[in-house]
Protein backbone atom coordinates (compact mmCIF):
# COMPACT_ATOMS: atom_id res chain seq x y z
CA MET A 1 31.60 -6.10 -3.37
CA PRO A 2 31.96 -2.37 -2.64
CA LYS A 3 31.71 -1.27 0.97
CA VAL A 4 28.60 0.78 0.26
CA THR A 5 25.83 0.56 -2.32
CA VAL A 6 23.51 3.50 -2.95
CA LEU A 7 19.98 3.72 -4.31
CA ASP A 8 18.51 7.05 -5.38
CA VAL A 9 14.99 7.81 -4.14
CA ARG A 10 12.93 9.92 -6.52
CA LEU A 11 9.53 11.50 -5.98
CA TYR A 12 7.68 12.50 -9.17
CA GLY A 13 10.97 11.82 -10.94
CA GLU A 14 13.01 14.27 -8.82
CA LEU A 15 15.88 13.03 -6.67
CA ILE A 16 15.01 13.68 -3.01
CA ALA A 17 16.94 11.12 -0.96
CA THR A 18 19.23 8.11 -0.88
CA LEU A 19 19.21 4.65 0.65
CA THR A 20 22.72 3.46 1.45
CA ASN A 21 23.50 -0.19 2.17
CA LEU A 22 26.67 -0.76 4.20
CA GLN A 23 28.82 -3.86 4.05
CA ASP A 24 27.58 -5.02 7.48
CA GLY A 25 23.98 -5.14 6.20
CA ARG A 26 22.73 -1.86 7.65
CA THR A 27 20.67 0.50 5.50
CA ILE A 28 20.67 4.27 6.07
CA PHE A 29 18.09 6.70 4.67
CA ALA A 30 18.85 10.39 4.12
CA PHE A 31 17.07 13.29 2.43
CA ASN A 32 19.20 15.49 0.19
CA GLU A 33 19.76 19.15 1.03
CA ALA A 34 17.66 20.46 -1.86
CA TYR A 35 14.59 18.58 -0.61
CA ILE A 36 15.19 19.65 3.00
CA GLU A 37 15.51 23.32 2.05
CA ASP A 38 12.50 23.35 -0.30
CA GLU A 39 9.63 24.87 1.69
CA SER A 40 7.16 23.83 -1.02
CA ARG A 41 8.48 20.25 -1.15
CA PRO A 42 6.05 17.46 -2.11
CA THR A 43 5.17 15.14 0.77
CA LEU A 44 6.86 11.76 0.84
CA SER A 45 5.25 10.53 4.07
CA LEU A 46 3.55 11.84 7.19
CA SER A 47 5.94 9.57 9.08
CA TYR A 48 8.68 12.07 8.23
CA LYS A 49 6.89 14.93 10.02
CA ASP A 50 7.66 15.71 13.65
CA THR A 51 5.07 16.82 16.22
CA PHE A 52 5.47 20.43 15.08
CA GLY A 53 5.00 19.60 11.41
CA ALA A 54 8.66 20.04 10.48
CA LEU A 55 10.56 17.58 8.30
CA VAL A 56 12.45 14.87 10.19
CA THR A 57 16.01 14.71 8.88
CA LYS A 58 17.83 12.33 11.25
CA PHE A 59 17.23 8.59 11.02
CA ARG A 60 18.62 5.49 12.63
CA PRO A 61 20.00 2.69 10.44
CA TYR A 62 18.07 -0.55 9.91
CA ASN A 63 19.81 -3.92 9.92
CA MET A 64 19.08 -6.32 7.03
CA VAL A 65 15.84 -4.50 6.14
CA VAL A 66 14.98 -1.14 4.62
CA PRO A 67 13.14 1.52 6.67
CA PRO A 68 9.41 0.83 7.22
CA PHE A 69 8.22 3.31 4.58
CA PHE A 70 10.16 1.45 1.89
CA SER A 71 9.57 -2.03 3.31
CA ASN A 72 5.85 -1.41 2.88
CA LEU A 73 6.37 -0.71 -0.82
CA LEU A 74 7.48 -4.30 -1.32
CA PRO A 75 5.15 -7.28 -1.73
CA GLU A 76 4.61 -9.84 1.02
CA GLY A 77 4.28 -13.59 1.30
CA PRO A 78 3.84 -15.64 -1.90
CA LEU A 79 3.94 -12.56 -4.14
CA ARG A 80 7.29 -11.51 -2.68
CA ARG A 81 8.74 -14.99 -3.07
CA TYR A 82 7.49 -15.19 -6.65
CA LEU A 83 8.89 -11.81 -7.72
CA ALA A 84 12.16 -12.37 -5.85
CA ASP A 85 12.60 -15.71 -7.59
CA ARG A 86 11.91 -14.13 -10.97
CA ALA A 87 14.48 -11.42 -10.21
CA GLY A 88 17.05 -13.83 -8.79
CA VAL A 89 17.25 -11.98 -5.46
CA LYS A 90 16.91 -13.38 -1.95
CA PRO A 91 13.41 -12.42 -0.70
CA THR A 92 14.78 -11.44 2.71
CA ARG A 93 17.28 -8.95 1.27
CA GLU A 94 14.96 -5.98 1.05
CA PHE A 95 17.52 -3.45 -0.17
CA PHE A 96 18.36 -5.51 -3.23
CA LEU A 97 14.75 -6.53 -3.81
CA LEU A 98 13.92 -2.82 -3.85
CA TRP A 99 16.79 -2.38 -6.33
CA MET A 100 15.10 -4.81 -8.71
CA LEU A 101 11.48 -3.70 -8.21
CA GLY A 102 11.92 -0.01 -7.51
CA ARG A 103 11.25 1.45 -10.95
CA ASP A 104 7.47 0.88 -10.57
CA LEU A 105 6.24 1.18 -6.97
CA PRO A 106 2.95 2.22 -5.37
CA GLY A 107 2.52 5.99 -5.46
CA ALA A 108 4.91 8.49 -7.02
CA VAL A 109 8.13 7.23 -5.44
CA THR A 110 10.68 5.27 -7.48
CA VAL A 111 14.05 3.82 -6.52
CA HIS A 112 17.05 3.53 -8.86
CA PRO A 113 20.68 2.43 -8.46
CA SER A 114 22.76 5.59 -8.25
CA GLU A 115 25.44 4.18 -10.56
CA GLY A 116 22.96 2.90 -13.12
CA ASP A 117 23.62 -0.82 -12.63
CA ASP A 118 20.60 -2.79 -13.79
CA THR A 119 21.11 -5.65 -11.31
CA PRO A 120 22.63 -5.96 -7.82
CA PRO A 121 26.18 -7.25 -7.25
CA ASP A 122 26.66 -10.92 -8.09
CA ASP A 123 26.97 -11.99 -4.46
CA GLU A 124 23.47 -10.64 -3.76
CA LEU A 125 21.86 -12.77 -6.46
CA ASP A 126 20.19 -15.89 -5.14
CA GLY A 127 22.55 -18.43 -6.67
CA ILE A 128 21.13 -17.91 -10.17
CA GLU A 129 21.59 -15.40 -12.93
CA ALA A 130 18.99 -12.63 -12.85
CA ARG A 131 16.49 -13.40 -15.55
CA PRO A 132 16.30 -10.93 -18.43
CA ASN A 133 12.49 -11.02 -18.21
CA ALA A 134 12.39 -10.42 -14.46
CA LEU A 135 9.30 -8.50 -13.39
CA ARG A 136 10.44 -5.02 -12.33
CA PHE A 137 7.45 -3.73 -10.40
CA SER A 138 6.05 -3.97 -6.88
CA LEU A 139 2.51 -4.00 -5.57
CA ALA A 140 2.25 -4.19 -1.81
CA GLY A 141 0.29 -7.05 -0.26
CA VAL A 142 0.09 -10.83 -0.31
CA GLN A 143 -2.40 -11.69 -3.07
CA LEU A 144 -1.00 -12.62 -6.48
CA LYS A 145 -1.56 -9.54 -8.64
CA PHE A 146 0.10 -7.74 -11.51
CA SER A 147 0.11 -4.32 -13.10
CA ALA A 148 -1.52 -4.30 -16.54
CA PHE A 149 -2.65 -2.19 -19.47
CA LYS A 150 -6.25 -2.22 -20.66
CA ASN A 151 -6.55 -3.06 -24.33
CA ASP A 152 -8.57 -0.58 -26.35
CA GLY A 153 -10.49 -1.85 -29.31
CA LYS A 154 -12.89 -4.63 -30.16
CA GLY A 155 -11.04 -7.42 -28.38
CA GLY A 156 -10.68 -5.63 -25.06
CA GLY A 157 -9.03 -7.49 -22.22
CA LEU A 158 -5.83 -6.69 -20.36
CA THR A 159 -2.13 -7.14 -21.05
CA ILE A 160 0.56 -7.66 -18.44
CA PRO A 161 3.75 -6.11 -19.88
CA ALA A 162 6.88 -8.25 -20.11
CA GLU A 163 8.57 -6.53 -17.16
CA GLY A 164 5.32 -5.73 -15.37
CA THR A 165 5.92 -1.99 -15.34
CA GLY A 166 3.82 0.96 -16.39
CA GLY A 167 0.31 -0.44 -16.19
CA SER A 168 -2.64 1.68 -15.05
CA TRP A 169 -4.70 -1.33 -13.91
CA ILE A 170 -4.14 -4.01 -11.27
CA VAL A 171 -5.14 -7.58 -12.09
CA LYS A 172 -5.90 -9.73 -9.05
CA LEU A 173 -5.77 -13.38 -9.98
CA PRO A 174 -8.10 -16.03 -8.55
CA SER A 175 -6.88 -17.75 -5.41
CA GLN A 176 -5.74 -21.37 -5.51
CA GLN A 177 -6.80 -21.75 -1.87
CA TYR A 178 -10.15 -19.94 -1.68
CA SER A 179 -12.89 -19.97 -4.28
CA GLY A 180 -14.58 -16.90 -5.67
CA VAL A 181 -12.30 -14.25 -4.16
CA PRO A 182 -12.36 -11.91 -7.21
CA GLU A 183 -16.16 -12.23 -7.45
CA ASN A 184 -16.47 -11.61 -3.71
CA GLU A 185 -14.39 -8.44 -3.83
CA PHE A 186 -16.16 -7.23 -6.97
CA SER A 187 -19.52 -7.63 -5.23
CA MET A 188 -18.45 -5.84 -2.04
CA MET A 189 -16.82 -2.99 -3.96
CA THR A 190 -19.92 -2.62 -6.14
CA ILE A 191 -22.18 -2.42 -3.08
CA ALA A 192 -19.85 0.14 -1.49
CA ASN A 193 -20.03 2.24 -4.65
CA LEU A 194 -23.84 2.07 -4.67
CA MET A 195 -23.82 3.26 -1.06
CA GLY A 196 -21.86 6.35 -2.03
CA MET A 197 -18.35 5.33 -1.04
CA HIS A 198 -15.47 6.36 -3.27
CA VAL A 199 -14.12 3.25 -5.01
CA PRO A 200 -11.98 2.89 -8.15
CA GLN A 201 -13.30 1.53 -11.43
CA ILE A 202 -13.47 -2.28 -11.33
CA GLN A 203 -14.46 -5.15 -13.59
CA LEU A 204 -14.35 -8.93 -13.69
CA VAL A 205 -12.42 -10.41 -16.61
CA ASP A 206 -11.99 -13.95 -17.85
CA LEU A 207 -8.47 -15.27 -17.46
CA ASN A 208 -8.30 -15.97 -21.19
CA ALA A 209 -8.77 -12.21 -21.74
CA VAL A 210 -5.58 -11.48 -19.79
CA SER A 211 -2.50 -11.79 -21.97
CA GLY A 212 1.07 -11.91 -20.77
CA LEU A 213 0.40 -13.93 -17.63
CA PRO A 214 3.84 -14.84 -16.24
CA GLN A 215 4.99 -18.42 -16.05
CA GLY A 216 5.15 -20.29 -12.78
CA ILE A 217 1.99 -18.97 -11.17
CA GLY A 218 0.26 -22.35 -11.20
CA GLU A 219 -3.01 -23.56 -12.68
CA LEU A 220 -5.72 -20.95 -12.21
CA GLN A 221 -9.42 -21.10 -12.96
CA GLY A 222 -12.24 -18.60 -12.93
CA GLN A 223 -12.18 -14.84 -13.28
CA ALA A 224 -9.72 -12.14 -12.33
CA LEU A 225 -10.56 -8.77 -10.80
CA ALA A 226 -9.29 -5.71 -12.67
CA ILE A 227 -8.99 -2.47 -10.69
CA ARG A 228 -8.07 0.88 -12.16
CA ARG A 229 -5.10 2.29 -10.27
CA PHE A 230 -5.88 5.58 -8.54
CA ASP A 231 -2.15 6.35 -8.25
CA ARG A 232 -1.77 6.43 -12.04
CA THR A 233 -3.29 8.94 -14.47
CA ALA A 234 -2.68 10.05 -18.04
CA ASP A 235 -0.81 13.03 -16.57
CA GLY A 236 1.57 10.93 -14.48
CA LEU A 237 1.97 9.46 -11.01
CA ILE A 238 -0.08 10.34 -7.95
CA HIS A 239 1.50 9.74 -4.58
CA ILE A 240 -0.12 7.53 -1.95
CA GLU A 241 0.95 5.91 1.31
CA ASP A 242 -0.75 3.39 3.58
CA PHE A 243 -1.12 3.64 7.34
CA ALA A 244 1.62 1.12 8.04
CA GLN A 245 3.94 3.59 6.32
CA ILE A 246 2.42 6.53 8.20
CA PHE A 247 2.88 4.83 11.58
CA GLY A 248 6.37 3.54 10.74
CA VAL A 249 5.23 -0.08 11.12
CA PHE A 250 6.76 -3.00 9.24
CA PRO A 251 4.29 -5.12 7.22
CA ASP A 252 4.59 -8.03 9.68
CA HIS A 253 2.94 -5.83 12.32
CA LYS A 254 0.07 -4.46 10.23
CA TYR A 255 -2.43 -6.17 12.57
CA ASP A 256 -0.96 -5.33 15.98
CA LYS A 257 0.87 -1.98 15.91
CA GLY A 258 -2.09 0.32 15.42
CA ASN A 259 -5.85 0.64 15.84
CA TYR A 260 -8.81 2.36 14.24
CA ARG A 261 -8.74 5.23 16.72
CA MET A 262 -5.20 6.06 15.66
CA ILE A 263 -6.22 6.10 11.99
CA GLY A 264 -9.25 8.26 12.76
CA ARG A 265 -7.17 10.73 14.75
CA VAL A 266 -4.66 11.15 11.91
CA LEU A 267 -7.50 11.73 9.45
CA GLY A 268 -9.10 14.27 11.76
CA ILE A 269 -5.89 16.23 12.17
CA GLU A 270 -4.50 15.96 8.64
CA THR A 271 -7.54 15.76 6.34
CA GLY A 272 -10.69 16.96 8.10
CA ALA A 273 -14.23 15.99 9.05
CA ALA A 274 -15.38 14.74 5.64
CA ASP A 275 -12.67 12.09 5.52
CA VAL A 276 -13.37 11.09 9.12
CA ALA A 277 -17.03 10.55 8.20
CA GLU A 278 -16.01 8.48 5.17
CA PHE A 279 -13.62 6.46 7.34
CA ILE A 280 -16.39 5.64 9.81
CA ARG A 281 -18.74 4.81 6.91
CA ARG A 282 -16.21 2.30 5.59
CA LEU A 283 -15.69 0.84 9.07
CA VAL A 284 -19.43 0.29 9.47
CA PHE A 285 -19.63 -1.25 6.00
CA SER A 286 -16.69 -3.58 6.67
CA THR A 287 -18.34 -4.72 9.89
CA LEU A 288 -21.66 -5.38 8.17
CA ILE A 289 -20.10 -7.47 5.39
CA GLY A 290 -17.84 -9.37 7.79
CA ASN A 291 -14.52 -8.00 6.55
CA GLY A 292 -11.93 -9.04 9.11
CA ASP A 293 -8.93 -7.88 7.09
CA MET A 294 -9.00 -4.07 7.20
CA HIS A 295 -5.50 -3.79 8.66
CA LEU A 296 -3.15 -0.81 8.48
CA LYS A 297 -2.17 -1.45 4.87
CA ASN A 298 -5.79 -1.42 3.70
CA TRP A 299 -6.21 2.27 4.53
CA SER A 300 -4.27 4.88 2.56
CA LEU A 301 -3.84 8.60 2.02
CA ILE A 302 -3.54 10.17 -1.42
CA TYR A 303 -1.78 13.43 -2.34
CA LEU A 304 -3.64 14.94 -5.27
CA ASP A 305 -1.81 18.28 -4.99
CA ARG A 306 1.49 16.58 -4.01
CA ARG A 307 1.42 18.07 -0.50
CA THR A 308 -1.97 17.72 1.19
CA PRO A 309 -3.25 14.28 2.24
CA MET A 310 -6.77 12.99 1.65
CA LEU A 311 -8.32 9.60 2.35
CA SER A 312 -7.75 7.50 -0.75
CA PRO A 313 -10.50 5.60 -2.57
CA ALA A 314 -11.51 2.36 -0.85
CA TYR A 315 -9.85 -0.91 -1.82
CA ASP A 316 -9.63 -4.54 -0.68
CA LEU A 317 -13.26 -4.57 0.50
CA LEU A 318 -13.90 -8.28 0.91
CA SER A 319 -16.16 -10.47 3.03
CA THR A 320 -13.73 -12.77 4.82
CA ILE A 321 -16.41 -14.77 6.66
CA PRO A 322 -16.76 -17.44 3.92
CA TYR A 323 -13.07 -18.27 4.07
CA ILE A 324 -12.24 -18.38 7.78
CA GLU A 325 -14.34 -20.58 10.05
CA GLY A 326 -15.58 -18.69 13.09
CA GLU A 327 -14.38 -15.35 11.73
CA ASP A 328 -15.84 -12.64 13.97
CA THR A 329 -12.96 -10.27 14.68
CA ALA A 330 -11.77 -7.08 13.03
CA ALA A 331 -8.19 -6.72 11.83
CA LEU A 332 -7.44 -3.98 14.37
CA ASN A 333 -8.74 -3.01 17.78
CA PHE A 334 -11.77 -0.75 17.58
CA SER A 335 -12.41 -0.14 21.26
CA ARG A 336 -11.42 -2.73 23.82
CA THR A 337 -11.43 -5.79 21.58
CA LYS A 338 -11.50 -6.79 17.91
CA LYS A 339 -14.70 -8.80 18.22
CA MET A 340 -17.31 -7.79 15.62
CA ALA A 341 -20.06 -10.29 16.53
CA ARG A 342 -22.78 -9.77 19.12
CA GLY A 343 -21.24 -9.25 22.53
CA GLY A 344 -18.16 -7.62 21.05
CA SER A 345 -17.15 -3.97 21.16
CA VAL A 346 -18.15 -3.12 17.58
CA CYS A 347 -21.79 -1.99 17.61
CA LEU A 348 -23.88 1.04 16.66
CA ASN A 349 -23.36 2.75 20.01
CA SER A 350 -19.62 2.19 19.86
CA PHE A 351 -19.46 3.86 16.45
CA GLY A 352 -21.28 6.85 17.91
CA ARG A 353 -18.84 7.07 20.81
CA PHE A 354 -15.97 6.65 18.38
CA ALA A 355 -17.16 9.59 16.25
CA LYS A 356 -17.54 11.79 19.34
CA TRP A 357 -14.07 10.80 20.57
CA ILE A 358 -12.46 11.75 17.26
CA SER A 359 -14.33 15.06 17.19
CA ALA A 360 -13.21 15.86 20.73
CA SER A 361 -9.61 14.86 20.04
CA ILE A 362 -9.19 17.09 16.99
CA MET A 363 -11.25 20.14 18.01
CA PRO A 364 -9.96 22.84 20.39
CA PRO A 365 -11.87 23.42 23.66
CA PRO A 366 -15.04 25.57 23.33
CA SER A 367 -13.38 28.39 25.26
CA LEU A 368 -10.67 28.64 22.60
CA VAL A 369 -13.20 28.57 19.77
CA SER A 370 -15.29 31.37 21.29
CA ALA A 371 -12.19 33.46 21.94
CA ARG A 372 -11.22 33.54 18.26
């Protein structure tokens, strides 16, 4: 095996950085000079901005994992194990998993081997030959889901491509553990849309209308939820990032390394009052429906002009109460606790205080406003 292995990082197809894996297992990220010197550069992540708004260009190496921004592009849990097995890569070896899945990632970032090798070195394969039909895409999260194309014409339905890449829809398959999850999410997303929240196009589809389902996913029954990807358009890729990426938090800490105040403050500073109001609207809605899973990865920013962030459309709106006995806590701290039920910190008055706190934290003192 060579002493170093390099992956090219591209944004909207343009080379902007590299990820270098050293023989001792460390991974080093570096922007290239052209990206650093480009004053009109597209934004990769707010996590790469310093307190003065300048681009951060010095990074520490990470041992056995890739930096948090890239780690959050990879799937978690059962989905990671499934895709890693299909690719013949150890699920814990993030650099080489990114090698296999990097050609179709969330947002407008892609990752490619700099020397053009289609698969990692033999000693990084998980004891088996990489399958020629390995799925070469990544969707962050735990739930079993695949990228798909919508079939035009009389038959309709969706098709999962052989390598899983290029689809403009996400198909979330029914859970083998919990009943009615796609129907639950469809209902909550529909209600959110009727209440004026920005949600992507969704529809329920019968499993027999989904062609190309990969082997080895088990026996599934019921319907799947199809969601139109808001990071894909006919004109190309649109960049997005979630708040675990923004805060530099690894996926394992999506519940405990941030809170809703931190998200609100970033929105207030980076996007403005309208997005803060929408954020609070979604928080209230999630509380009312009993959604205890709105962690850092379930809030994202979108870069429609490639540089300026906005709150992305809502996603993963689900009532978790039916599935977890005694569920009465939010995914993140809101005020002093996570408790959503009566007696907890999440109530109408607390939302009012929260809105005032965000306004005060992002607005200059009145004396400065009047002096302008």
